[in-house]
Amino acid sequence: MPLWKQDTDLARVNGWSEHTMMQALGIRITEIGADFLRGTMPVEARTHQPFGLLHGGASVALAETLGSTAALLTLDPAREVAVGLDINANHVRAVRAGTVTGTARPLHLGRTTQVWEIRIEREDGALVCIARLTMAVVPTQAVGTRAAAT
């Protein structure tokens, strides 16, 4: 059974981020694989903390974006959507510049919850952050989402 239940066109999926925090941070979905979703974020002034390092909150924003987007793609948005319930992130390596790449893979795809693991890596493949995101699956009418309408 395929993982994705929606059209996985990159332009469509990236369009969901117009006029959002994801656009402001430069987050882009770059690849939709058979069992993963991948995206990038620049490491620059808008994603730095005061010491010139990648801000942990920016890493969490990338992780939640990837996991949430992937979760939505596994659902029929006419009936249900996924909303964030919990996120945990461990920041294991600093980054000062370049681009980080995150990859979201499902750990659990249940009827009412989903759990996603998101690995964020530097350009050389070194692990920067490992996150686990728990999503609640709820009826679409409970949240009214523009992503479900597009």
C-alpha atoms as a PDB file:
ATOM      1  CA  MET A   1       0.000   0.000   0.000  1.00  0.00           C
ATOM      2  CA  PRO A   2       1.504   3.381  -0.937  1.00  0.00           C
ATOM      3  CA  LEU A   3       2.432   5.761   1.854  1.00  0.00           C
ATOM      4  CA  TRP A   4       1.114   8.896   0.145  1.00  0.00           C
ATOM      5  CA  LYS A   5      -2.617   9.365  -0.421  1.00  0.00           C
ATOM      6  CA  GLN A   6      -2.343  12.753  -2.136  1.00  0.00           C
ATOM      7  CA  ASP A   7      -0.720  14.184  -5.231  1.00  0.00           C
ATOM      8  CA  THR A   8       2.933  14.611  -4.305  1.00  0.00           C
ATOM      9  CA  ASP A   9       3.839  17.371  -6.746  1.00  0.00           C
ATOM     10  CA  LEU A  10       6.658  19.487  -5.231  1.00  0.00           C
ATOM     11  CA  ALA A  11       5.285  22.786  -6.572  1.00  0.00           C
ATOM     12  CA  ARG A  12       1.888  22.094  -4.999  1.00  0.00           C
ATOM     13  CA  VAL A  13       3.357  21.026  -1.660  1.00  0.00           C
ATOM     14  CA  ASN A  14       5.736  24.018  -1.517  1.00  0.00           C
ATOM     15  CA  GLY A  15       2.820  26.294  -2.404  1.00  0.00           C
ATOM     16  CA  TRP A  16       1.240  25.482   0.952  1.00  0.00           C
ATOM     17  CA  SER A  17       4.059  27.491   2.600  1.00  0.00           C
ATOM     18  CA  GLU A  18       3.373  30.794   0.832  1.00  0.00           C
ATOM     19  CA  HIS A  19       3.008  33.676   3.315  1.00  0.00           C
ATOM     20  CA  THR A  20       3.944  31.484   6.317  1.00  0.00           C
ATOM     21  CA  MET A  21       6.856  31.084   8.696  1.00  0.00           C
ATOM     22  CA  MET A  22       8.209  28.353   6.440  1.00  0.00           C
ATOM     23  CA  GLN A  23       8.580  30.823   3.589  1.00  0.00           C
ATOM     24  CA  ALA A  24      10.162  33.395   5.920  1.00  0.00           C
ATOM     25  CA  LEU A  25      12.789  30.846   7.023  1.00  0.00           C
ATOM     26  CA  GLY A  26      13.474  29.650   3.477  1.00  0.00           C
ATOM     27  CA  ILE A  27      12.238  26.105   4.086  1.00  0.00           C
ATOM     28  CA  ARG A  28      11.662  24.152   0.860  1.00  0.00           C
ATOM     29  CA  ILE A  29      10.452  20.609   0.277  1.00  0.00           C
ATOM     30  CA  THR A  30      12.985  19.128  -2.140  1.00  0.00           C
ATOM     31  CA  GLU A  31      12.161  15.441  -2.482  1.00  0.00           C
ATOM     32  CA  ILE A  32       9.261  13.108  -1.929  1.00  0.00           C
ATOM     33  CA  GLY A  33      10.441   9.511  -1.829  1.00  0.00           C
ATOM     34  CA  ALA A  34       8.514   6.291  -1.472  1.00  0.00           C
ATOM     35  CA  ASP A  35       8.693   6.445   2.349  1.00  0.00           C
ATOM     36  CA  PHE A  36      10.246   9.812   3.184  1.00  0.00           C
ATOM     37  CA  LEU A  37       9.915  13.557   2.706  1.00  0.00           C
ATOM     38  CA  ARG A  38      13.029  15.737   2.446  1.00  0.00           C
ATOM     39  CA  GLY A  39      13.516  19.474   2.678  1.00  0.00           C
ATOM     40  CA  THR A  40      16.148  22.141   3.169  1.00  0.00           C
ATOM     41  CA  MET A  41      16.666  25.348   5.101  1.00  0.00           C
ATOM     42  CA  PRO A  42      19.445  27.916   4.729  1.00  0.00           C
ATOM     43  CA  VAL A  43      21.741  28.597   7.670  1.00  0.00           C
ATOM     44  CA  GLU A  44      22.117  32.382   7.607  1.00  0.00           C
ATOM     45  CA  ALA A  45      21.148  35.487   9.568  1.00  0.00           C
ATOM     46  CA  ARG A  46      17.414  34.740   9.530  1.00  0.00           C
ATOM     47  CA  THR A  47      17.964  31.265  11.039  1.00  0.00           C
ATOM     48  CA  HIS A  48      20.853  32.153  13.392  1.00  0.00           C
ATOM     49  CA  GLN A  49      20.853  32.694  17.123  1.00  0.00           C
ATOM     50  CA  PRO A  50      22.982  35.556  18.585  1.00  0.00           C
ATOM     51  CA  PHE A  51      26.255  33.548  18.505  1.00  0.00           C
ATOM     52  CA  GLY A  52      25.984  33.001  14.748  1.00  0.00           C
ATOM     53  CA  LEU A  53      24.889  29.365  15.019  1.00  0.00           C
ATOM     54  CA  LEU A  54      21.777  27.718  13.628  1.00  0.00           C
ATOM     55  CA  HIS A  55      18.986  28.471  16.100  1.00  0.00           C
ATOM     56  CA  GLY A  56      17.528  25.358  17.709  1.00  0.00           C
ATOM     57  CA  GLY A  57      14.047  26.761  17.133  1.00  0.00           C
ATOM     58  CA  ALA A  58      14.758  26.991  13.412  1.00  0.00           C
ATOM     59  CA  SER A  59      15.756  23.318  13.418  1.00  0.00           C
ATOM     60  CA  VAL A  60      12.518  22.471  15.209  1.00  0.00           C
ATOM     61  CA  ALA A  61      10.562  24.551  12.686  1.00  0.00           C
ATOM     62  CA  LEU A  62      12.166  22.565   9.854  1.00  0.00           C
ATOM     63  CA  ALA A  63      11.451  19.267  11.628  1.00  0.00           C
ATOM     64  CA  GLU A  64       7.822  20.135  12.311  1.00  0.00           C
ATOM     65  CA  THR A  65       7.328  21.392   8.770  1.00  0.00           C
ATOM     66  CA  LEU A  66       8.648  18.162   7.269  1.00  0.00           C
ATOM     67  CA  GLY A  67       6.784  15.862   9.640  1.00  0.00           C
ATOM     68  CA  SER A  68       3.520  17.801   9.402  1.00  0.00           C
ATOM     69  CA  THR A  69       3.654  17.979   5.630  1.00  0.00           C
ATOM     70  CA  ALA A  70       4.439  14.280   5.358  1.00  0.00           C
ATOM     71  CA  ALA A  71       1.622  13.438   7.764  1.00  0.00           C
ATOM     72  CA  LEU A  72      -0.868  15.442   5.715  1.00  0.00           C
ATOM     73  CA  LEU A  73       0.215  13.653   2.549  1.00  0.00           C
ATOM     74  CA  THR A  74      -0.667  10.278   4.133  1.00  0.00           C
ATOM     75  CA  LEU A  75      -4.268  11.368   4.694  1.00  0.00           C
ATOM     76  CA  ASP A  76      -7.337  12.183   2.612  1.00  0.00           C
ATOM     77  CA  PRO A  77      -7.774  15.894   3.491  1.00  0.00           C
ATOM     78  CA  ALA A  78     -11.454  15.781   2.565  1.00  0.00           C
ATOM     79  CA  ARG A  79     -11.891  13.615   5.665  1.00  0.00           C
ATOM     80  CA  GLU A  80      -8.972  14.179   8.042  1.00  0.00           C
ATOM     81  CA  VAL A  81      -5.821  16.183   8.667  1.00  0.00           C
ATOM     82  CA  ALA A  82      -2.909  15.916  11.082  1.00  0.00           C
ATOM     83  CA  VAL A  83      -2.023  18.521  13.696  1.00  0.00           C
ATOM     84  CA  GLY A  84       1.041  18.664  15.902  1.00  0.00           C
ATOM     85  CA  LEU A  85       0.676  17.080  19.314  1.00  0.00           C
ATOM     86  CA  ASP A  86       4.264  16.860  20.584  1.00  0.00           C
ATOM     87  CA  ILE A  87       7.794  17.444  19.320  1.00  0.00           C
ATOM     88  CA  ASN A  88      11.111  16.523  20.878  1.00  0.00           C
ATOM     89  CA  ALA A  89      14.461  17.556  19.427  1.00  0.00           C
ATOM     90  CA  ASN A  90      18.069  16.908  20.361  1.00  0.00           C
ATOM     91  CA  HIS A  91      20.580  19.355  18.907  1.00  0.00           C
ATOM     92  CA  VAL A  92      23.837  17.430  18.528  1.00  0.00           C
ATOM     93  CA  ARG A  93      26.070  19.560  16.313  1.00  0.00           C
ATOM     94  CA  ALA A  94      26.425  23.263  15.543  1.00  0.00           C
ATOM     95  CA  VAL A  95      26.162  24.772  12.070  1.00  0.00           C
ATOM     96  CA  ARG A  96      27.225  28.311  11.123  1.00  0.00           C
ATOM     97  CA  ALA A  97      26.529  28.527   7.401  1.00  0.00           C
ATOM     98  CA  GLY A  98      25.310  26.642   4.366  1.00  0.00           C
ATOM     99  CA  THR A  99      22.181  24.555   4.134  1.00  0.00           C
ATOM    100  CA  VAL A 100      20.738  21.880   6.382  1.00  0.00           C
ATOM    101  CA  THR A 101      18.652  19.034   5.016  1.00  0.00           C
ATOM    102  CA  GLY A 102      15.943  17.264   6.953  1.00  0.00           C
ATOM    103  CA  THR A 103      14.422  13.879   6.188  1.00  0.00           C
ATOM    104  CA  ALA A 104      11.120  12.774   7.730  1.00  0.00           C
ATOM    105  CA  ARG A 105      10.247   9.076   7.946  1.00  0.00           C
ATOM    106  CA  PRO A 106       7.246   7.506   9.676  1.00  0.00           C
ATOM    107  CA  LEU A 107       7.717   5.441  12.798  1.00  0.00           C
ATOM    108  CA  HIS A 108       3.983   4.874  13.350  1.00  0.00           C
ATOM    109  CA  LEU A 109       0.974   5.626  11.134  1.00  0.00           C
ATOM    110  CA  GLY A 110      -2.089   4.937  13.234  1.00  0.00           C
ATOM    111  CA  ARG A 111      -5.752   5.784  12.925  1.00  0.00           C
ATOM    112  CA  THR A 112      -5.592   8.628  15.491  1.00  0.00           C
ATOM    113  CA  THR A 113      -1.868   9.376  15.834  1.00  0.00           C
ATOM    114  CA  GLN A 114       1.266   9.368  13.746  1.00  0.00           C
ATOM    115  CA  VAL A 115       4.893   9.464  14.906  1.00  0.00           C
ATOM    116  CA  TRP A 116       7.631  10.785  12.608  1.00  0.00           C
ATOM    117  CA  GLU A 117      11.409  10.827  12.977  1.00  0.00           C
ATOM    118  CA  ILE A 118      13.180  13.771  11.379  1.00  0.00           C
ATOM    119  CA  ARG A 119      16.967  13.760  10.878  1.00  0.00           C
ATOM    120  CA  ILE A 120      18.545  17.125  10.097  1.00  0.00           C
ATOM    121  CA  GLU A 121      22.037  16.990   8.626  1.00  0.00           C
ATOM    122  CA  ARG A 122      24.758  19.373   7.474  1.00  0.00           C
ATOM    123  CA  GLU A 123      25.915  19.443   3.871  1.00  0.00           C
ATOM    124  CA  ASP A 124      28.616  16.872   4.711  1.00  0.00           C
ATOM    125  CA  GLY A 125      26.002  14.481   6.108  1.00  0.00           C
ATOM    126  CA  ALA A 126      26.848  15.035   9.788  1.00  0.00           C
ATOM    127  CA  LEU A 127      23.847  14.866  12.109  1.00  0.00           C
ATOM    128  CA  VAL A 128      22.783  18.286  13.442  1.00  0.00           C
ATOM    129  CA  CYS A 129      19.432  17.497  15.060  1.00  0.00           C
ATOM    130  CA  ILE A 130      17.255  14.453  15.595  1.00  0.00           C
ATOM    131  CA  ALA A 131      13.576  15.092  16.257  1.00  0.00           C
ATOM    132  CA  ARG A 132      10.491  13.024  16.943  1.00  0.00           C
ATOM    133  CA  LEU A 133       7.104  14.504  16.078  1.00  0.00           C
ATOM    134  CA  THR A 134       3.751  13.132  17.210  1.00  0.00           C
ATOM    135  CA  MET A 135       0.745  14.156  15.144  1.00  0.00           C
ATOM    136  CA  ALA A 136      -2.937  13.851  16.046  1.00  0.00           C
ATOM    137  CA  VAL A 137      -5.221  12.791  13.197  1.00  0.00           C
ATOM    138  CA  VAL A 138      -8.454  14.796  13.415  1.00  0.00           C
ATOM    139  CA  PRO A 139     -11.519  15.378  11.219  1.00  0.00           C
ATOM    140  CA  THR A 140     -10.907  18.120   8.649  1.00  0.00           C
ATOM    141  CA  GLN A 141     -13.857  20.194   9.842  1.00  0.00           C
ATOM    142  CA  ALA A 142     -12.254  20.376  13.304  1.00  0.00           C
ATOM    143  CA  VAL A 143      -9.452  22.623  12.012  1.00  0.00           C
ATOM    144  CA  GLY A 144     -10.479  24.008   8.618  1.00  0.00           C
ATOM    145  CA  THR A 145      -7.204  24.011   6.705  1.00  0.00           C
ATOM    146  CA  ARG A 146      -6.280  25.798   3.518  1.00  0.00           C
ATOM    147  CA  ALA A 147      -3.833  22.991   2.647  1.00  0.00           C
ATOM    148  CA  ALA A 148      -6.733  20.568   2.528  1.00  0.00           C
ATOM    149  CA  ALA A 149      -8.542  22.866   0.118  1.00  0.00           C
ATOM    150  CA  THR A 150      -5.661  23.215  -2.354  1.00  0.00           C
END
